[in-house]
Amino acid sequence: MYRTKTCGELKINNVEETVELSGWIQKIRNLGGMVFIDLRDEFGITQIVINDEAMQEQAKELNTESCIHISRKSCGKSK
């Protein structure tokens, strides 16, 4: 299985739950200490926050409309 939740499915009750998401990058914003990625699928948009330096370096290689898969602990609700 390539995802446990869809981007439109995440809610506040999913906080601290490990989830896998797959989708296309709609937007990337680099604010220095954090990188924000808007990940979209056919069900909605979820904002991914990257504050780990190693992962921020990997995020520099990404472009909009790239397809990615991420597995991490949820810390908030989707947009």
PDB file of N, CA and C in Angstrom:
ATOM      1  N   MET A   1       0.852  -1.179   0.000  1.00  0.00           N
ATOM      2  CA  MET A   1       0.000   0.000   0.000  1.00  0.00           C
ATOM      3  C   MET A   1       0.895   1.239   0.000  1.00  0.00           C
ATOM      4  N   TYR A   2       0.555   2.203  -0.794  1.00  0.00           N
ATOM      5  CA  TYR A   2       1.392   3.393  -0.917  1.00  0.00           C
ATOM      6  C   TYR A   2       0.924   4.567  -0.068  1.00  0.00           C
ATOM      7  N   ARG A   3      -0.162   4.420   0.674  1.00  0.00           N
ATOM      8  CA  ARG A   3      -0.583   5.458   1.623  1.00  0.00           C
ATOM      9  C   ARG A   3      -1.562   4.862   2.624  1.00  0.00           C
ATOM     10  N   THR A   4      -1.540   5.442   3.831  1.00  0.00           N
ATOM     11  CA  THR A   4      -2.495   5.018   4.854  1.00  0.00           C
ATOM     12  C   THR A   4      -3.639   6.013   4.984  1.00  0.00           C
ATOM     13  N   LYS A   5      -3.426   7.231   4.513  1.00  0.00           N
ATOM     14  CA  LYS A   5      -4.445   8.284   4.520  1.00  0.00           C
ATOM     15  C   LYS A   5      -4.341   9.059   3.213  1.00  0.00           C
ATOM     16  N   THR A   6      -5.425   9.718   2.850  1.00  0.00           N
ATOM     17  CA  THR A   6      -5.369  10.642   1.720  1.00  0.00           C
ATOM     18  C   THR A   6      -5.103  12.043   2.264  1.00  0.00           C
ATOM     19  N   CYS A   7      -4.712  12.953   1.395  1.00  0.00           N
ATOM     20  CA  CYS A   7      -4.412  14.314   1.847  1.00  0.00           C
ATOM     21  C   CYS A   7      -5.647  15.016   2.409  1.00  0.00           C
ATOM     22  N   GLY A   8      -6.809  14.711   1.915  1.00  0.00           N
ATOM     23  CA  GLY A   8      -8.025  15.331   2.418  1.00  0.00           C
ATOM     24  C   GLY A   8      -8.600  14.646   3.642  1.00  0.00           C
ATOM     25  N   GLU A   9      -8.004  13.549   4.043  1.00  0.00           N
ATOM     26  CA  GLU A   9      -8.550  12.731   5.122  1.00  0.00           C
ATOM     27  C   GLU A   9      -7.978  13.057   6.505  1.00  0.00           C
ATOM     28  N   LEU A  10      -6.806  13.669   6.576  1.00  0.00           N
ATOM     29  CA  LEU A  10      -6.180  13.950   7.872  1.00  0.00           C
ATOM     30  C   LEU A  10      -6.997  14.967   8.670  1.00  0.00           C
ATOM     31  N   LYS A  11      -7.177  14.673   9.929  1.00  0.00           N
ATOM     32  CA  LYS A  11      -7.924  15.546  10.844  1.00  0.00           C
ATOM     33  C   LYS A  11      -7.138  15.695  12.145  1.00  0.00           C
ATOM     34  N   ILE A  12      -7.618  16.530  13.024  1.00  0.00           N
ATOM     35  CA  ILE A  12      -6.947  16.801  14.292  1.00  0.00           C
ATOM     36  C   ILE A  12      -6.805  15.528  15.139  1.00  0.00           C
ATOM     37  N   ASN A  13      -7.720  14.583  15.002  1.00  0.00           N
ATOM     38  CA  ASN A  13      -7.613  13.349  15.790  1.00  0.00           C
ATOM     39  C   ASN A  13      -6.519  12.413  15.273  1.00  0.00           C
ATOM     40  N   ASN A  14      -5.846  12.756  14.167  1.00  0.00           N
ATOM     41  CA  ASN A  14      -4.716  11.982  13.652  1.00  0.00           C
ATOM     42  C   ASN A  14      -3.373  12.458  14.191  1.00  0.00           C
ATOM     43  N   VAL A  15      -3.371  13.458  15.073  1.00  0.00           N
ATOM     44  CA  VAL A  15      -2.134  13.966  15.656  1.00  0.00           C
ATOM     45  C   VAL A  15      -1.427  12.831  16.393  1.00  0.00           C
ATOM     46  N   GLU A  16      -0.109  12.761  16.220  1.00  0.00           N
ATOM     47  CA  GLU A  16       0.758  11.741  16.824  1.00  0.00           C
ATOM     48  C   GLU A  16       0.605  10.365  16.187  1.00  0.00           C
ATOM     49  N   GLU A  17      -0.177  10.239  15.143  1.00  0.00           N
ATOM     50  CA  GLU A  17      -0.334   8.974  14.433  1.00  0.00           C
ATOM     51  C   GLU A  17       0.665   8.950  13.272  1.00  0.00           C
ATOM     52  N   THR A  18       1.332   7.842  13.059  1.00  0.00           N
ATOM     53  CA  THR A  18       2.230   7.719  11.911  1.00  0.00           C
ATOM     54  C   THR A  18       1.387   7.462  10.675  1.00  0.00           C
ATOM     55  N   VAL A  19       1.563   8.307   9.668  1.00  0.00           N
ATOM     56  CA  VAL A  19       0.785   8.194   8.435  1.00  0.00           C
ATOM     57  C   VAL A  19       1.722   8.170   7.231  1.00  0.00           C
ATOM     58  N   GLU A  20       1.244   7.566   6.157  1.00  0.00           N
ATOM     59  CA  GLU A  20       1.946   7.577   4.880  1.00  0.00           C
ATOM     60  C   GLU A  20       1.064   8.307   3.884  1.00  0.00           C
ATOM     61  N   LEU A  21       1.656   9.289   3.204  1.00  0.00           N
ATOM     62  CA  LEU A  21       0.944  10.064   2.191  1.00  0.00           C
ATOM     63  C   LEU A  21       1.685   9.970   0.872  1.00  0.00           C
ATOM     64  N   SER A  22       0.947  10.023  -0.205  1.00  0.00           N
ATOM     65  CA  SER A  22       1.521  10.081  -1.551  1.00  0.00           C
ATOM     66  C   SER A  22       0.755  11.128  -2.331  1.00  0.00           C
ATOM     67  N   GLY A  23       1.475  11.857  -3.166  1.00  0.00           N
ATOM     68  CA  GLY A  23       0.812  12.858  -3.987  1.00  0.00           C
ATOM     69  C   GLY A  23       1.799  13.686  -4.773  1.00  0.00           C
ATOM     70  N   TRP A  24       1.300  14.777  -5.329  1.00  0.00           N
ATOM     71  CA  TRP A  24       2.096  15.690  -6.142  1.00  0.00           C
ATOM     72  C   TRP A  24       2.398  16.945  -5.349  1.00  0.00           C
ATOM     73  N   ILE A  25       3.580  17.485  -5.536  1.00  0.00           N
ATOM     74  CA  ILE A  25       3.950  18.728  -4.875  1.00  0.00           C
ATOM     75  C   ILE A  25       3.291  19.880  -5.613  1.00  0.00           C
ATOM     76  N   GLN A  26       2.456  20.608  -4.911  1.00  0.00           N
ATOM     77  CA  GLN A  26       1.800  21.768  -5.501  1.00  0.00           C
ATOM     78  C   GLN A  26       2.638  23.026  -5.314  1.00  0.00           C
ATOM     79  N   LYS A  27       3.246  23.157  -4.128  1.00  0.00           N
ATOM     80  CA  LYS A  27       4.009  24.372  -3.821  1.00  0.00           C
ATOM     81  C   LYS A  27       5.094  24.031  -2.810  1.00  0.00           C
ATOM     82  N   ILE A  28       6.254  24.692  -2.949  1.00  0.00           N
ATOM     83  CA  ILE A  28       7.352  24.545  -1.996  1.00  0.00           C
ATOM     84  C   ILE A  28       7.750  25.938  -1.532  1.00  0.00           C
ATOM     85  N   ARG A  29       7.842  26.110  -0.202  1.00  0.00           N
ATOM     86  CA  ARG A  29       8.286  27.384   0.354  1.00  0.00           C
ATOM     87  C   ARG A  29       9.427  27.113   1.321  1.00  0.00           C
ATOM     88  N   ASN A  30      10.559  27.772   1.089  1.00  0.00           N
ATOM     89  CA  ASN A  30      11.720  27.629   1.956  1.00  0.00           C
ATOM     90  C   ASN A  30      11.843  28.906   2.770  1.00  0.00           C
ATOM     91  N   LEU A  31      11.648  28.793   4.080  1.00  0.00           N
ATOM     92  CA  LEU A  31      11.704  29.962   4.948  1.00  0.00           C
ATOM     93  C   LEU A  31      12.969  29.965   5.806  1.00  0.00           C
ATOM     94  N   GLY A  32      14.032  29.384   5.286  1.00  0.00           N
ATOM     95  CA  GLY A  32      15.290  29.353   6.030  1.00  0.00           C
ATOM     96  C   GLY A  32      15.354  28.170   6.960  1.00  0.00           C
ATOM     97  N   GLY A  33      14.775  28.267   8.133  1.00  0.00           N
ATOM     98  CA  GLY A  33      14.821  27.190   9.116  1.00  0.00           C
ATOM     99  C   GLY A  33      13.791  26.108   8.885  1.00  0.00           C
ATOM    100  N   MET A  34      12.834  26.339   7.997  1.00  0.00           N
ATOM    101  CA  MET A  34      11.775  25.365   7.716  1.00  0.00           C
ATOM    102  C   MET A  34      11.443  25.373   6.230  1.00  0.00           C
ATOM    103  N   VAL A  35      11.045  24.212   5.744  1.00  0.00           N
ATOM    104  CA  VAL A  35      10.560  24.079   4.376  1.00  0.00           C
ATOM    105  C   VAL A  35       9.118  23.595   4.466  1.00  0.00           C
ATOM    106  N   PHE A  36       8.235  24.224   3.723  1.00  0.00           N
ATOM    107  CA  PHE A  36       6.827  23.849   3.680  1.00  0.00           C
ATOM    108  C   PHE A  36       6.514  23.318   2.289  1.00  0.00           C
ATOM    109  N   ILE A  37       5.893  22.152   2.241  1.00  0.00           N
ATOM    110  CA  ILE A  37       5.479  21.548   0.976  1.00  0.00           C
ATOM    111  C   ILE A  37       3.973  21.341   1.034  1.00  0.00           C
ATOM    112  N   ASP A  38       3.266  21.855   0.038  1.00  0.00           N
ATOM    113  CA  ASP A  38       1.841  21.574  -0.108  1.00  0.00           C
ATOM    114  C   ASP A  38       1.729  20.333  -0.991  1.00  0.00           C
ATOM    115  N   LEU A  39       1.306  19.234  -0.384  1.00  0.00           N
ATOM    116  CA  LEU A  39       1.170  17.958  -1.076  1.00  0.00           C
ATOM    117  C   LEU A  39      -0.296  17.765  -1.421  1.00  0.00           C
ATOM    118  N   ARG A  40      -0.577  17.432  -2.673  1.00  0.00           N
ATOM    119  CA  ARG A  40      -1.982  17.267  -3.072  1.00  0.00           C
ATOM    120  C   ARG A  40      -2.198  15.902  -3.716  1.00  0.00           C
ATOM    121  N   ASP A  41      -3.394  15.422  -3.538  1.00  0.00           N
ATOM    122  CA  ASP A  41      -3.877  14.258  -4.263  1.00  0.00           C
ATOM    123  C   ASP A  41      -5.292  14.574  -4.720  1.00  0.00           C
ATOM    124  N   GLU A  42      -6.001  13.590  -5.227  1.00  0.00           N
ATOM    125  CA  GLU A  42      -7.340  13.874  -5.747  1.00  0.00           C
ATOM    126  C   GLU A  42      -8.352  14.184  -4.652  1.00  0.00           C
ATOM    127  N   PHE A  43      -7.957  14.037  -3.371  1.00  0.00           N
ATOM    128  CA  PHE A  43      -8.874  14.244  -2.261  1.00  0.00           C
ATOM    129  C   PHE A  43      -8.645  15.534  -1.490  1.00  0.00           C
ATOM    130  N   GLY A  44      -7.499  16.200  -1.686  1.00  0.00           N
ATOM    131  CA  GLY A  44      -7.234  17.426  -0.954  1.00  0.00           C
ATOM    132  C   GLY A  44      -5.769  17.795  -0.912  1.00  0.00           C
ATOM    133  N   ILE A  45      -5.423  18.701  -0.003  1.00  0.00           N
ATOM    134  CA  ILE A  45      -4.055  19.216   0.145  1.00  0.00           C
ATOM    135  C   ILE A  45      -3.654  19.096   1.608  1.00  0.00           C
ATOM    136  N   THR A  46      -2.427  18.656   1.844  1.00  0.00           N
ATOM    137  CA  THR A  46      -1.860  18.589   3.191  1.00  0.00           C
ATOM    138  C   THR A  46      -0.531  19.328   3.174  1.00  0.00           C
ATOM    139  N   GLN A  47      -0.287  20.126   4.196  1.00  0.00           N
ATOM    140  CA  GLN A  47       0.981  20.844   4.290  1.00  0.00           C
ATOM    141  C   GLN A  47       1.985  19.987   5.060  1.00  0.00           C
ATOM    142  N   ILE A  48       3.136  19.764   4.437  1.00  0.00           N
ATOM    143  CA  ILE A  48       4.242  19.028   5.048  1.00  0.00           C
ATOM    144  C   ILE A  48       5.238  20.061   5.552  1.00  0.00           C
ATOM    145  N   VAL A  49       5.641  19.964   6.815  1.00  0.00           N
ATOM    146  CA  VAL A  49       6.615  20.881   7.405  1.00  0.00           C
ATOM    147  C   VAL A  49       7.906  20.101   7.633  1.00  0.00           C
ATOM    148  N   ILE A  50       9.004  20.609   7.074  1.00  0.00           N
ATOM    149  CA  ILE A  50      10.306  19.955   7.226  1.00  0.00           C
ATOM    150  C   ILE A  50      11.215  20.887   8.007  1.00  0.00           C
ATOM    151  N   ASN A  51      11.602  20.448   9.209  1.00  0.00           N
ATOM    152  CA  ASN A  51      12.520  21.256  10.001  1.00  0.00           C
ATOM    153  C   ASN A  51      13.829  20.529  10.284  1.00  0.00           C
ATOM    154  N   ASP A  52      13.974  19.309   9.782  1.00  0.00           N
ATOM    155  CA  ASP A  52      15.200  18.540   9.895  1.00  0.00           C
ATOM    156  C   ASP A  52      16.166  18.969   8.775  1.00  0.00           C
ATOM    157  N   GLU A  53      17.401  19.332   9.136  1.00  0.00           N
ATOM    158  CA  GLU A  53      18.355  19.868   8.160  1.00  0.00           C
ATOM    159  C   GLU A  53      18.655  18.893   7.029  1.00  0.00           C
ATOM    160  N   ALA A  54      18.820  17.610   7.348  1.00  0.00           N
ATOM    161  CA  ALA A  54      19.116  16.616   6.314  1.00  0.00           C
ATOM    162  C   ALA A  54      17.957  16.496   5.323  1.00  0.00           C
ATOM    163  N   MET A  55      16.750  16.501   5.840  1.00  0.00           N
ATOM    164  CA  MET A  55      15.582  16.407   4.955  1.00  0.00           C
ATOM    165  C   MET A  55      15.393  17.692   4.151  1.00  0.00           C
ATOM    166  N   GLN A  56      15.779  18.849   4.723  1.00  0.00           N
ATOM    167  CA  GLN A  56      15.701  20.109   3.977  1.00  0.00           C
ATOM    168  C   GLN A  56      16.636  20.073   2.770  1.00  0.00           C
ATOM    169  N   GLU A  57      17.802  19.456   2.936  1.00  0.00           N
ATOM    170  CA  GLU A  57      18.735  19.315   1.813  1.00  0.00           C
ATOM    171  C   GLU A  57      18.117  18.448   0.720  1.00  0.00           C
ATOM    172  N   GLN A  58      17.447  17.379   1.112  1.00  0.00           N
ATOM    173  CA  GLN A  58      16.780  16.525   0.135  1.00  0.00           C
ATOM    174  C   GLN A  58      15.644  17.279  -0.557  1.00  0.00           C
ATOM    175  N   ALA A  59      14.941  18.119   0.190  1.00  0.00           N
ATOM    176  CA  ALA A  59      13.815  18.869  -0.366  1.00  0.00           C
ATOM    177  C   ALA A  59      14.271  19.856  -1.439  1.00  0.00           C
ATOM    178  N   LYS A  60      15.520  20.300  -1.378  1.00  0.00           N
ATOM    179  CA  LYS A  60      16.041  21.223  -2.402  1.00  0.00           C
ATOM    180  C   LYS A  60      16.053  20.588  -3.785  1.00  0.00           C
ATOM    181  N   GLU A  61      16.062  19.271  -3.839  1.00  0.00           N
ATOM    182  CA  GLU A  61      16.077  18.543  -5.110  1.00  0.00           C
ATOM    183  C   GLU A  61      14.680  18.418  -5.727  1.00  0.00           C
ATOM    184  N   LEU A  62      13.651  18.749  -4.966  1.00  0.00           N
ATOM    185  CA  LEU A  62      12.272  18.553  -5.420  1.00  0.00           C
ATOM    186  C   LEU A  62      11.776  19.747  -6.229  1.00  0.00           C
ATOM    187  N   ASN A  63      10.870  19.457  -7.155  1.00  0.00           N
ATOM    188  CA  ASN A  63      10.226  20.486  -7.978  1.00  0.00           C
ATOM    189  C   ASN A  63       8.714  20.352  -7.852  1.00  0.00           C
ATOM    190  N   THR A  64       8.007  21.426  -8.179  1.00  0.00           N
ATOM    191  CA  THR A  64       6.550  21.327  -8.203  1.00  0.00           C
ATOM    192  C   THR A  64       6.149  20.280  -9.237  1.00  0.00           C
ATOM    193  N   GLU A  65       5.059  19.628  -8.969  1.00  0.00           N
ATOM    194  CA  GLU A  65       4.491  18.543  -9.766  1.00  0.00           C
ATOM    195  C   GLU A  65       5.279  17.245  -9.663  1.00  0.00           C
ATOM    196  N   SER A  66       6.324  17.213  -8.806  1.00  0.00           N
ATOM    197  CA  SER A  66       7.001  15.946  -8.525  1.00  0.00           C
ATOM    198  C   SER A  66       6.066  15.090  -7.680  1.00  0.00           C
ATOM    199  N   CYS A  67       6.119  13.791  -7.872  1.00  0.00           N
ATOM    200  CA  CYS A  67       5.318  12.871  -7.079  1.00  0.00           C
ATOM    201  C   CYS A  67       6.203  12.337  -5.956  1.00  0.00           C
ATOM    202  N   ILE A  68       5.709  12.426  -4.706  1.00  0.00           N
ATOM    203  CA  ILE A  68       6.492  11.955  -3.568  1.00  0.00           C
ATOM    204  C   ILE A  68       5.651  11.074  -2.655  1.00  0.00           C
ATOM    205  N   HIS A  69       6.341  10.323  -1.832  1.00  0.00           N
ATOM    206  CA  HIS A  69       5.736   9.486  -0.797  1.00  0.00           C
ATOM    207  C   HIS A  69       6.440   9.843   0.496  1.00  0.00           C
ATOM    208  N   ILE A  70       5.679  10.057   1.559  1.00  0.00           N
ATOM    209  CA  ILE A  70       6.274  10.420   2.848  1.00  0.00           C
ATOM    210  C   ILE A  70       5.606   9.604   3.943  1.00  0.00           C
ATOM    211  N   SER A  71       6.400   9.186   4.914  1.00  0.00           N
ATOM    212  CA  SER A  71       5.892   8.456   6.071  1.00  0.00           C
ATOM    213  C   SER A  71       6.461   9.119   7.313  1.00  0.00           C
ATOM    214  N   ARG A  72       5.602   9.732   8.095  1.00  0.00           N
ATOM    215  CA  ARG A  72       6.023  10.443   9.307  1.00  0.00           C
ATOM    216  C   ARG A  72       4.876  10.505  10.304  1.00  0.00           C
ATOM    217  N   LYS A  73       5.206  10.980  11.481  1.00  0.00           N
ATOM    218  CA  LYS A  73       4.199  11.190  12.517  1.00  0.00           C
ATOM    219  C   LYS A  73       3.475  12.497  12.246  1.00  0.00           C
ATOM    220  N   SER A  74       2.173  12.457  12.281  1.00  0.00           N
ATOM    221  CA  SER A  74       1.346  13.632  12.045  1.00  0.00           C
ATOM    222  C   SER A  74       1.407  14.558  13.256  1.00  0.00           C
ATOM    223  N   CYS A  75       1.514  15.869  12.991  1.00  0.00           N
ATOM    224  CA  CYS A  75       1.571  16.820  14.113  1.00  0.00           C
ATOM    225  C   CYS A  75       0.495  17.890  14.001  1.00  0.00           C
ATOM    226  N   GLY A  76      -0.445  17.737  13.113  1.00  0.00           N
ATOM    227  CA  GLY A  76      -1.506  18.726  12.973  1.00  0.00           C
ATOM    228  C   GLY A  76      -2.500  18.280  11.937  1.00  0.00           C
ATOM    229  N   LYS A  77      -3.428  19.144  11.613  1.00  0.00           N
ATOM    230  CA  LYS A  77      -4.451  18.778  10.642  1.00  0.00           C
ATOM    231  C   LYS A  77      -4.143  19.355   9.280  1.00  0.00           C
ATOM    232  N   SER A  78      -4.780  18.812   8.266  1.00  0.00           N
ATOM    233  CA  SER A  78      -4.565  19.291   6.899  1.00  0.00           C
ATOM    234  C   SER A  78      -5.291  20.597   6.687  1.00  0.00           C
ATOM    235  N   LYS A  79      -4.950  21.287   5.595  1.00  0.00           N
ATOM    236  CA  LYS A  79      -5.565  22.571   5.244  1.00  0.00           C
ATOM    237  C   LYS A  79      -7.034  22.403   4.986  1.00  0.00           C
TER     238      LYS A  79
END
